[in-house]
Amino acid sequence: MDKITNIIKDEIKRQYKNLRRFSEESGIPYSTLSNALARGIGNTAYETVVRICKLLNLRQFYDEDIIIFNDKFKDICAMLSEIDEKGIHTVETVLKMEYNRCIEENTAKEYNGISFESEKVAMLK
């Protein structure tokens, strides 16, 4: 399954608990959502994907790969843009330590604000 589909599935579970409830509240037919998540969101009409992402409060950015950001990620970026070099160093150090701790302990992932490519995550080590 592609990353975008997995992120959308996770967000639907997190925010709405199940697909039927999301379907009812969004007005998107259950069969459309079910097929999109079973076959991969890439086979779904663009307008439907955009609508799903908006309803889940996910932003789309297109580059070589698609990465989806949520508001929590945008807030973190906004705060980062306001701190000085010492602050950036501190945040980077703490992030590296926490990343390594979670990888070593194989902890459950709590933050789904961004989908990193493996090369980008490797840079944190």
PDB file of N, CA and C in Angstrom:
ATOM      1  N   MET A   1       0.844  -1.178   0.000  1.00  0.00           N
ATOM      2  CA  MET A   1       0.000   0.000   0.000  1.00  0.00           C
ATOM      3  C   MET A   1       0.892   1.245   0.000  1.00  0.00           C
ATOM      4  N   ASP A   2       0.509   2.266  -0.759  1.00  0.00           N
ATOM      5  CA  ASP A   2       1.314   3.485  -0.829  1.00  0.00           C
ATOM      6  C   ASP A   2       1.183   4.302   0.460  1.00  0.00           C
ATOM      7  N   LYS A   3       2.141   5.175   0.683  1.00  0.00           N
ATOM      8  CA  LYS A   3       2.205   5.946   1.926  1.00  0.00           C
ATOM      9  C   LYS A   3       1.003   6.858   2.110  1.00  0.00           C
ATOM     10  N   ILE A   4       0.573   7.480   1.039  1.00  0.00           N
ATOM     11  CA  ILE A   4      -0.544   8.415   1.144  1.00  0.00           C
ATOM     12  C   ILE A   4      -1.805   7.690   1.599  1.00  0.00           C
ATOM     13  N   THR A   5      -2.058   6.538   1.013  1.00  0.00           N
ATOM     14  CA  THR A   5      -3.232   5.755   1.409  1.00  0.00           C
ATOM     15  C   THR A   5      -3.150   5.389   2.887  1.00  0.00           C
ATOM     16  N   ASN A   6      -1.982   4.969   3.335  1.00  0.00           N
ATOM     17  CA  ASN A   6      -1.811   4.612   4.745  1.00  0.00           C
ATOM     18  C   ASN A   6      -2.020   5.805   5.665  1.00  0.00           C
ATOM     19  N   ILE A   7      -1.513   6.964   5.271  1.00  0.00           N
ATOM     20  CA  ILE A   7      -1.698   8.170   6.085  1.00  0.00           C
ATOM     21  C   ILE A   7      -3.180   8.511   6.176  1.00  0.00           C
ATOM     22  N   ILE A   8      -3.873   8.451   5.047  1.00  0.00           N
ATOM     23  CA  ILE A   8      -5.304   8.765   5.033  1.00  0.00           C
ATOM     24  C   ILE A   8      -6.077   7.765   5.889  1.00  0.00           C
ATOM     25  N   LYS A   9      -5.758   6.469   5.764  1.00  0.00           N
ATOM     26  CA  LYS A   9      -6.414   5.448   6.598  1.00  0.00           C
ATOM     27  C   LYS A   9      -6.217   5.750   8.078  1.00  0.00           C
ATOM     28  N   ASP A  10      -4.971   6.049   8.448  1.00  0.00           N
ATOM     29  CA  ASP A  10      -4.656   6.336   9.848  1.00  0.00           C
ATOM     30  C   ASP A  10      -5.413   7.557  10.358  1.00  0.00           C
ATOM     31  N   GLU A  11      -5.479   8.593   9.529  1.00  0.00           N
ATOM     32  CA  GLU A  11      -6.179   9.815   9.939  1.00  0.00           C
ATOM     33  C   GLU A  11      -7.681   9.585  10.073  1.00  0.00           C
ATOM     34  N   ILE A  12      -8.255   8.801   9.178  1.00  0.00           N
ATOM     35  CA  ILE A  12      -9.686   8.487   9.290  1.00  0.00           C
ATOM     36  C   ILE A  12      -9.943   7.736  10.593  1.00  0.00           C
ATOM     37  N   LYS A  13      -9.111   6.747  10.905  1.00  0.00           N
ATOM     38  CA  LYS A  13      -9.271   5.996  12.156  1.00  0.00           C
ATOM     39  C   LYS A  13      -9.105   6.911  13.365  1.00  0.00           C
ATOM     40  N   ARG A  14      -8.100   7.786  13.301  1.00  0.00           N
ATOM     41  CA  ARG A  14      -7.813   8.662  14.433  1.00  0.00           C
ATOM     42  C   ARG A  14      -8.927   9.690  14.655  1.00  0.00           C
ATOM     43  N   GLN A  15      -9.381  10.306  13.565  1.00  0.00           N
ATOM     44  CA  GLN A  15     -10.342  11.396  13.701  1.00  0.00           C
ATOM     45  C   GLN A  15     -11.799  10.942  13.740  1.00  0.00           C
ATOM     46  N   TYR A  16     -12.119   9.862  13.024  1.00  0.00           N
ATOM     47  CA  TYR A  16     -13.520   9.449  12.894  1.00  0.00           C
ATOM     48  C   TYR A  16     -13.799   8.049  13.438  1.00  0.00           C
ATOM     49  N   LYS A  17     -12.766   7.342  13.820  1.00  0.00           N
ATOM     50  CA  LYS A  17     -12.866   5.983  14.376  1.00  0.00           C
ATOM     51  C   LYS A  17     -13.148   4.897  13.343  1.00  0.00           C
ATOM     52  N   ASN A  18     -13.951   5.184  12.317  1.00  0.00           N
ATOM     53  CA  ASN A  18     -14.181   4.180  11.281  1.00  0.00           C
ATOM     54  C   ASN A  18     -14.592   4.845   9.975  1.00  0.00           C
ATOM     55  N   LEU A  19     -14.510   4.081   8.915  1.00  0.00           N
ATOM     56  CA  LEU A  19     -14.763   4.587   7.569  1.00  0.00           C
ATOM     57  C   LEU A  19     -16.221   4.977   7.366  1.00  0.00           C
ATOM     58  N   ARG A  20     -17.140   4.213   7.943  1.00  0.00           N
ATOM     59  CA  ARG A  20     -18.570   4.518   7.771  1.00  0.00           C
ATOM     60  C   ARG A  20     -18.914   5.894   8.344  1.00  0.00           C
ATOM     61  N   ARG A  21     -18.386   6.195   9.513  1.00  0.00           N
ATOM     62  CA  ARG A  21     -18.655   7.504  10.127  1.00  0.00           C
ATOM     63  C   ARG A  21     -18.070   8.629   9.276  1.00  0.00           C
ATOM     64  N   PHE A  22     -16.848   8.433   8.777  1.00  0.00           N
ATOM     65  CA  PHE A  22     -16.241   9.444   7.904  1.00  0.00           C
ATOM     66  C   PHE A  22     -17.093   9.632   6.657  1.00  0.00           C
ATOM     67  N   SER A  23     -17.575   8.544   6.092  1.00  0.00           N
ATOM     68  CA  SER A  23     -18.427   8.609   4.905  1.00  0.00           C
ATOM     69  C   SER A  23     -19.698   9.412   5.191  1.00  0.00           C
ATOM     70  N   GLU A  24     -20.330   9.113   6.303  1.00  0.00           N
ATOM     71  CA  GLU A  24     -21.572   9.807   6.664  1.00  0.00           C
ATOM     72  C   GLU A  24     -21.347  11.298   6.881  1.00  0.00           C
ATOM     73  N   GLU A  25     -20.279  11.638   7.591  1.00  0.00           N
ATOM     74  CA  GLU A  25     -20.030  13.044   7.908  1.00  0.00           C
ATOM     75  C   GLU A  25     -19.478  13.826   6.722  1.00  0.00           C
ATOM     76  N   SER A  26     -18.793  13.142   5.811  1.00  0.00           N
ATOM     77  CA  SER A  26     -18.189  13.832   4.667  1.00  0.00           C
ATOM     78  C   SER A  26     -19.114  13.916   3.460  1.00  0.00           C
ATOM     79  N   GLY A  27     -20.069  12.986   3.395  1.00  0.00           N
ATOM     80  CA  GLY A  27     -20.935  12.929   2.224  1.00  0.00           C
ATOM     81  C   GLY A  27     -20.313  12.189   1.054  1.00  0.00           C
ATOM     82  N   ILE A  28     -19.138  11.618   1.251  1.00  0.00           N
ATOM     83  CA  ILE A  28     -18.480  10.817   0.214  1.00  0.00           C
ATOM     84  C   ILE A  28     -19.010   9.394   0.348  1.00  0.00           C
ATOM     85  N   PRO A  29     -19.496   8.803  -0.740  1.00  0.00           N
ATOM     86  CA  PRO A  29     -20.055   7.452  -0.650  1.00  0.00           C
ATOM     87  C   PRO A  29     -19.071   6.457  -0.024  1.00  0.00           C
ATOM     88  N   TYR A  30     -19.610   5.594   0.822  1.00  0.00           N
ATOM     89  CA  TYR A  30     -18.796   4.583   1.488  1.00  0.00           C
ATOM     90  C   TYR A  30     -18.050   3.730   0.469  1.00  0.00           C
ATOM     91  N   SER A  31     -18.719   3.350  -0.618  1.00  0.00           N
ATOM     92  CA  SER A  31     -18.085   2.496  -1.630  1.00  0.00           C
ATOM     93  C   SER A  31     -16.891   3.198  -2.274  1.00  0.00           C
ATOM     94  N   THR A  32     -16.989   4.501  -2.485  1.00  0.00           N
ATOM     95  CA  THR A  32     -15.873   5.266  -3.053  1.00  0.00           C
ATOM     96  C   THR A  32     -14.680   5.233  -2.110  1.00  0.00           C
ATOM     97  N   LEU A  33     -14.941   5.498  -0.836  1.00  0.00           N
ATOM     98  CA  LEU A  33     -13.865   5.495   0.158  1.00  0.00           C
ATOM     99  C   LEU A  33     -13.265   4.108   0.334  1.00  0.00           C
ATOM    100  N   SER A  34     -14.125   3.111   0.421  1.00  0.00           N
ATOM    101  CA  SER A  34     -13.666   1.739   0.614  1.00  0.00           C
ATOM    102  C   SER A  34     -12.768   1.292  -0.536  1.00  0.00           C
ATOM    103  N   ASN A  35     -13.205   1.555  -1.760  1.00  0.00           N
ATOM    104  CA  ASN A  35     -12.396   1.197  -2.933  1.00  0.00           C
ATOM    105  C   ASN A  35     -11.087   1.967  -2.967  1.00  0.00           C
ATOM    106  N   ALA A  36     -11.138   3.251  -2.651  1.00  0.00           N
ATOM    107  CA  ALA A  36      -9.927   4.076  -2.668  1.00  0.00           C
ATOM    108  C   ALA A  36      -8.893   3.550  -1.684  1.00  0.00           C
ATOM    109  N   LEU A  37      -9.335   3.177  -0.499  1.00  0.00           N
ATOM    110  CA  LEU A  37      -8.401   2.713   0.519  1.00  0.00           C
ATOM    111  C   LEU A  37      -7.958   1.274   0.290  1.00  0.00           C
ATOM    112  N   ALA A  38      -8.780   0.475  -0.352  1.00  0.00           N
ATOM    113  CA  ALA A  38      -8.412  -0.912  -0.640  1.00  0.00           C
ATOM    114  C   ALA A  38      -7.449  -1.007  -1.819  1.00  0.00           C
ATOM    115  N   ARG A  39      -7.679  -0.196  -2.836  1.00  0.00           N
ATOM    116  CA  ARG A  39      -6.876  -0.264  -4.068  1.00  0.00           C
ATOM    117  C   ARG A  39      -5.744   0.748  -4.113  1.00  0.00           C
ATOM    118  N   GLY A  40      -5.759   1.681  -3.197  1.00  0.00           N
ATOM    119  CA  GLY A  40      -4.758   2.740  -3.202  1.00  0.00           C
ATOM    120  C   GLY A  40      -5.378   4.038  -3.682  1.00  0.00           C
ATOM    121  N   ILE A  41      -5.067   5.095  -3.008  1.00  0.00           N
ATOM    122  CA  ILE A  41      -5.665   6.393  -3.284  1.00  0.00           C
ATOM    123  C   ILE A  41      -5.271   6.918  -4.663  1.00  0.00           C
ATOM    124  N   GLY A  42      -4.187   6.387  -5.222  1.00  0.00           N
ATOM    125  CA  GLY A  42      -3.719   6.813  -6.542  1.00  0.00           C
ATOM    126  C   GLY A  42      -4.698   6.514  -7.659  1.00  0.00           C
ATOM    127  N   ASN A  43      -5.611   5.591  -7.445  1.00  0.00           N
ATOM    128  CA  ASN A  43      -6.606   5.243  -8.461  1.00  0.00           C
ATOM    129  C   ASN A  43      -7.911   6.015  -8.291  1.00  0.00           C
ATOM    130  N   THR A  44      -7.912   6.978  -7.388  1.00  0.00           N
ATOM    131  CA  THR A  44      -9.115   7.743  -7.077  1.00  0.00           C
ATOM    132  C   THR A  44      -9.069   9.084  -7.800  1.00  0.00           C
ATOM    133  N   ALA A  45     -10.233   9.605  -8.147  1.00  0.00           N
ATOM    134  CA  ALA A  45     -10.301  10.906  -8.818  1.00  0.00           C
ATOM    135  C   ALA A  45      -9.600  11.968  -7.971  1.00  0.00           C
ATOM    136  N   TYR A  46      -8.862  12.826  -8.638  1.00  0.00           N
ATOM    137  CA  TYR A  46      -8.091  13.865  -7.959  1.00  0.00           C
ATOM    138  C   TYR A  46      -8.982  14.709  -7.043  1.00  0.00           C
ATOM    139  N   GLU A  47     -10.142  15.094  -7.533  1.00  0.00           N
ATOM    140  CA  GLU A  47     -11.052  15.935  -6.750  1.00  0.00           C
ATOM    141  C   GLU A  47     -11.461  15.248  -5.454  1.00  0.00           C
ATOM    142  N   THR A  48     -11.647  13.943  -5.519  1.00  0.00           N
ATOM    143  CA  THR A  48     -12.027  13.184  -4.326  1.00  0.00           C
ATOM    144  C   THR A  48     -10.875  13.149  -3.330  1.00  0.00           C
ATOM    145  N   VAL A  49      -9.666  12.954  -3.825  1.00  0.00           N
ATOM    146  CA  VAL A  49      -8.488  12.928  -2.948  1.00  0.00           C
ATOM    147  C   VAL A  49      -8.323  14.280  -2.259  1.00  0.00           C
ATOM    148  N   VAL A  50      -8.454  15.359  -3.021  1.00  0.00           N
ATOM    149  CA  VAL A  50      -8.329  16.702  -2.449  1.00  0.00           C
ATOM    150  C   VAL A  50      -9.396  16.915  -1.377  1.00  0.00           C
ATOM    151  N   ARG A  51     -10.607  16.499  -1.656  1.00  0.00           N
ATOM    152  CA  ARG A  51     -11.706  16.645  -0.693  1.00  0.00           C
ATOM    153  C   ARG A  51     -11.428  15.857   0.584  1.00  0.00           C
ATOM    154  N   ILE A  52     -10.962  14.621   0.428  1.00  0.00           N
ATOM    155  CA  ILE A  52     -10.629  13.785   1.589  1.00  0.00           C
ATOM    156  C   ILE A  52      -9.551  14.466   2.423  1.00  0.00           C
ATOM    157  N   CYS A  53      -8.502  14.938   1.754  1.00  0.00           N
ATOM    158  CA  CYS A  53      -7.395  15.584   2.468  1.00  0.00           C
ATOM    159  C   CYS A  53      -7.859  16.837   3.199  1.00  0.00           C
ATOM    160  N   LYS A  54      -8.719  17.622   2.573  1.00  0.00           N
ATOM    161  CA  LYS A  54      -9.235  18.827   3.237  1.00  0.00           C
ATOM    162  C   LYS A  54     -10.058  18.461   4.462  1.00  0.00           C
ATOM    163  N   LEU A  55     -10.906  17.456   4.334  1.00  0.00           N
ATOM    164  CA  LEU A  55     -11.743  17.038   5.460  1.00  0.00           C
ATOM    165  C   LEU A  55     -10.915  16.502   6.624  1.00  0.00           C
ATOM    166  N   LEU A  56      -9.785  15.889   6.308  1.00  0.00           N
ATOM    167  CA  LEU A  56      -8.907  15.337   7.339  1.00  0.00           C
ATOM    168  C   LEU A  56      -7.872  16.351   7.811  1.00  0.00           C
ATOM    169  N   ASN A  57      -7.959  17.557   7.262  1.00  0.00           N
ATOM    170  CA  ASN A  57      -7.024  18.625   7.606  1.00  0.00           C
ATOM    171  C   ASN A  57      -5.588  18.265   7.227  1.00  0.00           C
ATOM    172  N   LEU A  58      -5.433  17.648   6.073  1.00  0.00           N
ATOM    173  CA  LEU A  58      -4.118  17.306   5.542  1.00  0.00           C
ATOM    174  C   LEU A  58      -3.838  18.224   4.364  1.00  0.00           C
ATOM    175  N   ARG A  59      -2.647  18.769   4.308  1.00  0.00           N
ATOM    176  CA  ARG A  59      -2.243  19.624   3.198  1.00  0.00           C
ATOM    177  C   ARG A  59      -1.399  18.807   2.247  1.00  0.00           C
ATOM    178  N   GLN A  60      -1.516  19.126   0.985  1.00  0.00           N
ATOM    179  CA  GLN A  60      -0.749  18.408  -0.028  1.00  0.00           C
ATOM    180  C   GLN A  60       0.354  19.306  -0.566  1.00  0.00           C
ATOM    181  N   PHE A  61       1.538  18.761  -0.689  1.00  0.00           N
ATOM    182  CA  PHE A  61       2.655  19.435  -1.323  1.00  0.00           C
ATOM    183  C   PHE A  61       3.240  18.465  -2.337  1.00  0.00           C
ATOM    184  N   TYR A  62       3.512  18.956  -3.509  1.00  0.00           N
ATOM    185  CA  TYR A  62       4.020  18.090  -4.553  1.00  0.00           C
ATOM    186  C   TYR A  62       5.464  18.440  -4.864  1.00  0.00           C
ATOM    187  N   ASP A  63       6.287  17.446  -4.887  1.00  0.00           N
ATOM    188  CA  ASP A  63       7.681  17.574  -5.257  1.00  0.00           C
ATOM    189  C   ASP A  63       7.974  16.308  -6.039  1.00  0.00           C
ATOM    190  N   GLU A  64       9.149  15.722  -5.867  1.00  0.00           N
ATOM    191  CA  GLU A  64       9.420  14.438  -6.511  1.00  0.00           C
ATOM    192  C   GLU A  64       8.467  13.387  -5.958  1.00  0.00           C
ATOM    193  N   ASP A  65       8.270  13.425  -4.671  1.00  0.00           N
ATOM    194  CA  ASP A  65       7.353  12.521  -3.986  1.00  0.00           C
ATOM    195  C   ASP A  65       6.296  13.374  -3.307  1.00  0.00           C
ATOM    196  N   ILE A  66       5.167  12.785  -3.024  1.00  0.00           N
ATOM    197  CA  ILE A  66       4.126  13.524  -2.322  1.00  0.00           C
ATOM    198  C   ILE A  66       4.330  13.317  -0.830  1.00  0.00           C
ATOM    199  N   ILE A  67       4.313  14.420  -0.125  1.00  0.00           N
ATOM    200  CA  ILE A  67       4.398  14.387   1.325  1.00  0.00           C
ATOM    201  C   ILE A  67       3.196  15.166   1.831  1.00  0.00           C
ATOM    202  N   ILE A  68       2.512  14.635   2.805  1.00  0.00           N
ATOM    203  CA  ILE A  68       1.326  15.295   3.326  1.00  0.00           C
ATOM    204  C   ILE A  68       1.642  15.852   4.713  1.00  0.00           C
ATOM    205  N   PHE A  69       1.302  17.119   4.914  1.00  0.00           N
ATOM    206  CA  PHE A  69       1.537  17.794   6.181  1.00  0.00           C
ATOM    207  C   PHE A  69       0.208  18.142   6.833  1.00  0.00           C
ATOM    208  N   ASN A  70       0.135  18.020   8.144  1.00  0.00           N
ATOM    209  CA  ASN A  70      -1.073  18.476   8.831  1.00  0.00           C
ATOM    210  C   ASN A  70      -0.789  19.782   9.560  1.00  0.00           C
ATOM    211  N   ASP A  71      -1.785  20.336  10.235  1.00  0.00           N
ATOM    212  CA  ASP A  71      -1.624  21.630  10.897  1.00  0.00           C
ATOM    213  C   ASP A  71      -0.581  21.599  12.005  1.00  0.00           C
ATOM    214  N   LYS A  72      -0.454  20.475  12.692  1.00  0.00           N
ATOM    215  CA  LYS A  72       0.541  20.377  13.758  1.00  0.00           C
ATOM    216  C   LYS A  72       1.943  20.569  13.181  1.00  0.00           C
ATOM    217  N   PHE A  73       2.194  19.965  12.037  1.00  0.00           N
ATOM    218  CA  PHE A  73       3.491  20.120  11.391  1.00  0.00           C
ATOM    219  C   PHE A  73       3.713  21.572  10.972  1.00  0.00           C
ATOM    220  N   LYS A  74       2.674  22.194  10.415  1.00  0.00           N
ATOM    221  CA  LYS A  74       2.798  23.595  10.000  1.00  0.00           C
ATOM    222  C   LYS A  74       3.088  24.492  11.200  1.00  0.00           C
ATOM    223  N   ASP A  75       2.449  24.222  12.343  1.00  0.00           N
ATOM    224  CA  ASP A  75       2.704  25.007  13.554  1.00  0.00           C
ATOM    225  C   ASP A  75       4.149  24.858  14.013  1.00  0.00           C
ATOM    226  N   ILE A  76       4.664  23.636  13.961  1.00  0.00           N
ATOM    227  CA  ILE A  76       6.055  23.392  14.344  1.00  0.00           C
ATOM    228  C   ILE A  76       6.992  24.157  13.414  1.00  0.00           C
ATOM    229  N   CYS A  77       6.724  24.117  12.118  1.00  0.00           N
ATOM    230  CA  CYS A  77       7.556  24.852  11.153  1.00  0.00           C
ATOM    231  C   CYS A  77       7.506  26.351  11.412  1.00  0.00           C
ATOM    232  N   ALA A  78       6.324  26.861  11.736  1.00  0.00           N
ATOM    233  CA  ALA A  78       6.190  28.296  12.027  1.00  0.00           C
ATOM    234  C   ALA A  78       7.029  28.677  13.245  1.00  0.00           C
ATOM    235  N   MET A  79       7.015  27.839  14.279  1.00  0.00           N
ATOM    236  CA  MET A  79       7.820  28.121  15.467  1.00  0.00           C
ATOM    237  C   MET A  79       9.305  28.039  15.143  1.00  0.00           C
ATOM    238  N   LEU A  80       9.694  27.047  14.350  1.00  0.00           N
ATOM    239  CA  LEU A  80      11.102  26.910  13.981  1.00  0.00           C
ATOM    240  C   LEU A  80      11.614  28.125  13.222  1.00  0.00           C
ATOM    241  N   SER A  81      10.753  28.714  12.418  1.00  0.00           N
ATOM    242  CA  SER A  81      11.190  29.865  11.624  1.00  0.00           C
ATOM    243  C   SER A  81      11.421  31.108  12.484  1.00  0.00           C
ATOM    244  N   GLU A  82      10.996  31.073  13.738  1.00  0.00           N
ATOM    245  CA  GLU A  82      11.130  32.230  14.627  1.00  0.00           C
ATOM    246  C   GLU A  82      12.279  32.108  15.626  1.00  0.00           C
ATOM    247  N   ILE A  83      12.959  30.957  15.668  1.00  0.00           N
ATOM    248  CA  ILE A  83      14.021  30.809  16.667  1.00  0.00           C
ATOM    249  C   ILE A  83      15.392  30.993  16.035  1.00  0.00           C
ATOM    250  N   ASP A  84      16.369  31.307  16.898  1.00  0.00           N
ATOM    251  CA  ASP A  84      17.720  31.583  16.413  1.00  0.00           C
ATOM    252  C   ASP A  84      18.521  30.290  16.241  1.00  0.00           C
ATOM    253  N   GLU A  85      19.794  30.450  15.882  1.00  0.00           N
ATOM    254  CA  GLU A  85      20.664  29.300  15.603  1.00  0.00           C
ATOM    255  C   GLU A  85      20.805  28.385  16.818  1.00  0.00           C
ATOM    256  N   LYS A  86      20.926  28.976  18.003  1.00  0.00           N
ATOM    257  CA  LYS A  86      21.038  28.177  19.229  1.00  0.00           C
ATOM    258  C   LYS A  86      19.761  27.360  19.455  1.00  0.00           C
ATOM    259  N   GLY A  87      18.615  27.974  19.209  1.00  0.00           N
ATOM    260  CA  GLY A  87      17.345  27.268  19.347  1.00  0.00           C
ATOM    261  C   GLY A  87      17.226  26.115  18.367  1.00  0.00           C
ATOM    262  N   ILE A  88      17.634  26.355  17.117  1.00  0.00           N
ATOM    263  CA  ILE A  88      17.602  25.293  16.101  1.00  0.00           C
ATOM    264  C   ILE A  88      18.493  24.134  16.528  1.00  0.00           C
ATOM    265  N   HIS A  89      19.683  24.450  17.027  1.00  0.00           N
ATOM    266  CA  HIS A  89      20.604  23.410  17.483  1.00  0.00           C
ATOM    267  C   HIS A  89      19.959  22.589  18.607  1.00  0.00           C
ATOM    268  N   THR A  90      19.313  23.263  19.542  1.00  0.00           N
ATOM    269  CA  THR A  90      18.663  22.579  20.662  1.00  0.00           C
ATOM    270  C   THR A  90      17.546  21.659  20.174  1.00  0.00           C
ATOM    271  N   VAL A  91      16.686  22.180  19.300  1.00  0.00           N
ATOM    272  CA  VAL A  91      15.576  21.379  18.765  1.00  0.00           C
ATOM    273  C   VAL A  91      16.110  20.178  17.999  1.00  0.00           C
ATOM    274  N   GLU A  92      17.120  20.396  17.179  1.00  0.00           N
ATOM    275  CA  GLU A  92      17.702  19.317  16.380  1.00  0.00           C
ATOM    276  C   GLU A  92      18.298  18.237  17.280  1.00  0.00           C
ATOM    277  N   THR A  93      18.984  18.642  18.337  1.00  0.00           N
ATOM    278  CA  THR A  93      19.591  17.690  19.266  1.00  0.00           C
ATOM    279  C   THR A  93      18.523  16.841  19.959  1.00  0.00           C
ATOM    280  N   VAL A  94      17.485  17.489  20.460  1.00  0.00           N
ATOM    281  CA  VAL A  94      16.405  16.762  21.137  1.00  0.00           C
ATOM    282  C   VAL A  94      15.696  15.831  20.159  1.00  0.00           C
ATOM    283  N   LEU A  95      15.435  16.310  18.953  1.00  0.00           N
ATOM    284  CA  LEU A  95      14.763  15.486  17.948  1.00  0.00           C
ATOM    285  C   LEU A  95      15.584  14.244  17.615  1.00  0.00           C
ATOM    286  N   LYS A  96      16.880  14.397  17.440  1.00  0.00           N
ATOM    287  CA  LYS A  96      17.747  13.244  17.151  1.00  0.00           C
ATOM    288  C   LYS A  96      17.719  12.244  18.301  1.00  0.00           C
ATOM    289  N   MET A  97      17.804  12.753  19.531  1.00  0.00           N
ATOM    290  CA  MET A  97      17.792  11.861  20.696  1.00  0.00           C
ATOM    291  C   MET A  97      16.472  11.094  20.778  1.00  0.00           C
ATOM    292  N   GLU A  98      15.362  11.777  20.605  1.00  0.00           N
ATOM    293  CA  GLU A  98      14.052  11.128  20.680  1.00  0.00           C
ATOM    294  C   GLU A  98      13.839  10.155  19.523  1.00  0.00           C
ATOM    295  N   TYR A  99      14.285  10.535  18.349  1.00  0.00           N
ATOM    296  CA  TYR A  99      14.175   9.643  17.193  1.00  0.00           C
ATOM    297  C   TYR A  99      14.934   8.345  17.458  1.00  0.00           C
ATOM    298  N   ASN A 100      16.178   8.463  17.895  1.00  0.00           N
ATOM    299  CA  ASN A 100      16.991   7.271  18.164  1.00  0.00           C
ATOM    300  C   ASN A 100      16.388   6.426  19.283  1.00  0.00           C
ATOM    301  N   ARG A 101      15.850   7.065  20.331  1.00  0.00           N
ATOM    302  CA  ARG A 101      15.212   6.326  21.418  1.00  0.00           C
ATOM    303  C   ARG A 101      14.017   5.527  20.895  1.00  0.00           C
ATOM    304  N   CYS A 102      13.195   6.146  20.089  1.00  0.00           N
ATOM    305  CA  CYS A 102      12.000   5.473  19.574  1.00  0.00           C
ATOM    306  C   CYS A 102      12.353   4.335  18.623  1.00  0.00           C
ATOM    307  N   ILE A 103      13.390   4.529  17.820  1.00  0.00           N
ATOM    308  CA  ILE A 103      13.825   3.473  16.900  1.00  0.00           C
ATOM    309  C   ILE A 103      14.367   2.286  17.692  1.00  0.00           C
ATOM    310  N   GLU A 104      15.199   2.564  18.686  1.00  0.00           N
ATOM    311  CA  GLU A 104      15.786   1.492  19.490  1.00  0.00           C
ATOM    312  C   GLU A 104      14.718   0.734  20.278  1.00  0.00           C
ATOM    313  N   GLU A 105      13.739   1.447  20.813  1.00  0.00           N
ATOM    314  CA  GLU A 105      12.693   0.822  21.625  1.00  0.00           C
ATOM    315  C   GLU A 105      11.522   0.334  20.788  1.00  0.00           C
ATOM    316  N   ASN A 106      11.537   0.655  19.503  1.00  0.00           N
ATOM    317  CA  ASN A 106      10.461   0.283  18.580  1.00  0.00           C
ATOM    318  C   ASN A 106       9.093   0.696  19.140  1.00  0.00           C
ATOM    319  N   THR A 107       8.996   1.954  19.542  1.00  0.00           N
ATOM    320  CA  THR A 107       7.763   2.463  20.140  1.00  0.00           C
ATOM    321  C   THR A 107       6.715   2.770  19.079  1.00  0.00           C
ATOM    322  N   ALA A 108       5.471   2.845  19.519  1.00  0.00           N
ATOM    323  CA  ALA A 108       4.368   3.198  18.614  1.00  0.00           C
ATOM    324  C   ALA A 108       4.538   4.641  18.163  1.00  0.00           C
ATOM    325  N   LYS A 109       4.247   4.893  16.917  1.00  0.00           N
ATOM    326  CA  LYS A 109       4.385   6.235  16.357  1.00  0.00           C
ATOM    327  C   LYS A 109       3.146   7.046  16.699  1.00  0.00           C
ATOM    328  N   GLU A 110       3.340   8.199  17.310  1.00  0.00           N
ATOM    329  CA  GLU A 110       2.220   9.030  17.741  1.00  0.00           C
ATOM    330  C   GLU A 110       1.954  10.194  16.808  1.00  0.00           C
ATOM    331  N   TYR A 111       2.936  10.616  16.056  1.00  0.00           N
ATOM    332  CA  TYR A 111       2.782  11.816  15.232  1.00  0.00           C
ATOM    333  C   TYR A 111       2.735  11.437  13.771  1.00  0.00           C
ATOM    334  N   ASN A 112       1.599  11.676  13.132  1.00  0.00           N
ATOM    335  CA  ASN A 112       1.433  11.347  11.718  1.00  0.00           C
ATOM    336  C   ASN A 112       1.397  12.592  10.855  1.00  0.00           C
ATOM    337  N   GLY A 113       2.078  13.637  11.309  1.00  0.00           N
ATOM    338  CA  GLY A 113       2.021  14.900  10.593  1.00  0.00           C
ATOM    339  C   GLY A 113       2.799  14.930   9.311  1.00  0.00           C
ATOM    340  N   ILE A 114       3.746  14.033   9.160  1.00  0.00           N
ATOM    341  CA  ILE A 114       4.546  14.050   7.945  1.00  0.00           C
ATOM    342  C   ILE A 114       4.983  12.644   7.609  1.00  0.00           C
ATOM    343  N   SER A 115       5.062  12.374   6.355  1.00  0.00           N
ATOM    344  CA  SER A 115       5.570  11.095   5.875  1.00  0.00           C
ATOM    345  C   SER A 115       6.944  11.347   5.285  1.00  0.00           C
ATOM    346  N   PHE A 116       7.987  10.885   5.963  1.00  0.00           N
ATOM    347  CA  PHE A 116       9.349  11.085   5.486  1.00  0.00           C
ATOM    348  C   PHE A 116       9.765   9.967   4.550  1.00  0.00           C
ATOM    349  N   GLU A 117      10.569  10.294   3.572  1.00  0.00           N
ATOM    350  CA  GLU A 117      11.254   9.280   2.797  1.00  0.00           C
ATOM    351  C   GLU A 117      12.396   8.763   3.666  1.00  0.00           C
ATOM    352  N   SER A 118      12.803   7.522   3.504  1.00  0.00           N
ATOM    353  CA  SER A 118      13.813   6.924   4.378  1.00  0.00           C
ATOM    354  C   SER A 118      15.129   7.693   4.356  1.00  0.00           C
ATOM    355  N   GLU A 119      15.497   8.265   3.218  1.00  0.00           N
ATOM    356  CA  GLU A 119      16.753   9.015   3.148  1.00  0.00           C
ATOM    357  C   GLU A 119      16.685  10.256   4.031  1.00  0.00           C
ATOM    358  N   LYS A 120      15.546  10.897   4.086  1.00  0.00           N
ATOM    359  CA  LYS A 120      15.407  12.101   4.891  1.00  0.00           C
ATOM    360  C   LYS A 120      15.478  11.763   6.371  1.00  0.00           C
ATOM    361  N   VAL A 121      14.880  10.643   6.772  1.00  0.00           N
ATOM    362  CA  VAL A 121      14.931  10.227   8.166  1.00  0.00           C
ATOM    363  C   VAL A 121      16.353   9.829   8.533  1.00  0.00           C
ATOM    364  N   ALA A 122      17.061   9.195   7.619  1.00  0.00           N
ATOM    365  CA  ALA A 122      18.434   8.772   7.885  1.00  0.00           C
ATOM    366  C   ALA A 122      19.326   9.965   8.199  1.00  0.00           C
ATOM    367  N   MET A 123      18.997  11.130   7.664  1.00  0.00           N
ATOM    368  CA  MET A 123      19.793  12.325   7.927  1.00  0.00           C
ATOM    369  C   MET A 123      19.709  12.732   9.393  1.00  0.00           C
ATOM    370  N   LEU A 124      18.671  12.314  10.099  1.00  0.00           N
ATOM    371  CA  LEU A 124      18.513  12.669  11.502  1.00  0.00           C
ATOM    372  C   LEU A 124      19.451  11.892  12.411  1.00  0.00           C
ATOM    373  N   LYS A 125      19.948  10.767  11.934  1.00  0.00           N
ATOM    374  CA  LYS A 125      20.796   9.919  12.788  1.00  0.00           C
ATOM    375  C   LYS A 125      22.166  10.526  12.979  1.00  0.00           C
TER     376      LYS A 125
END
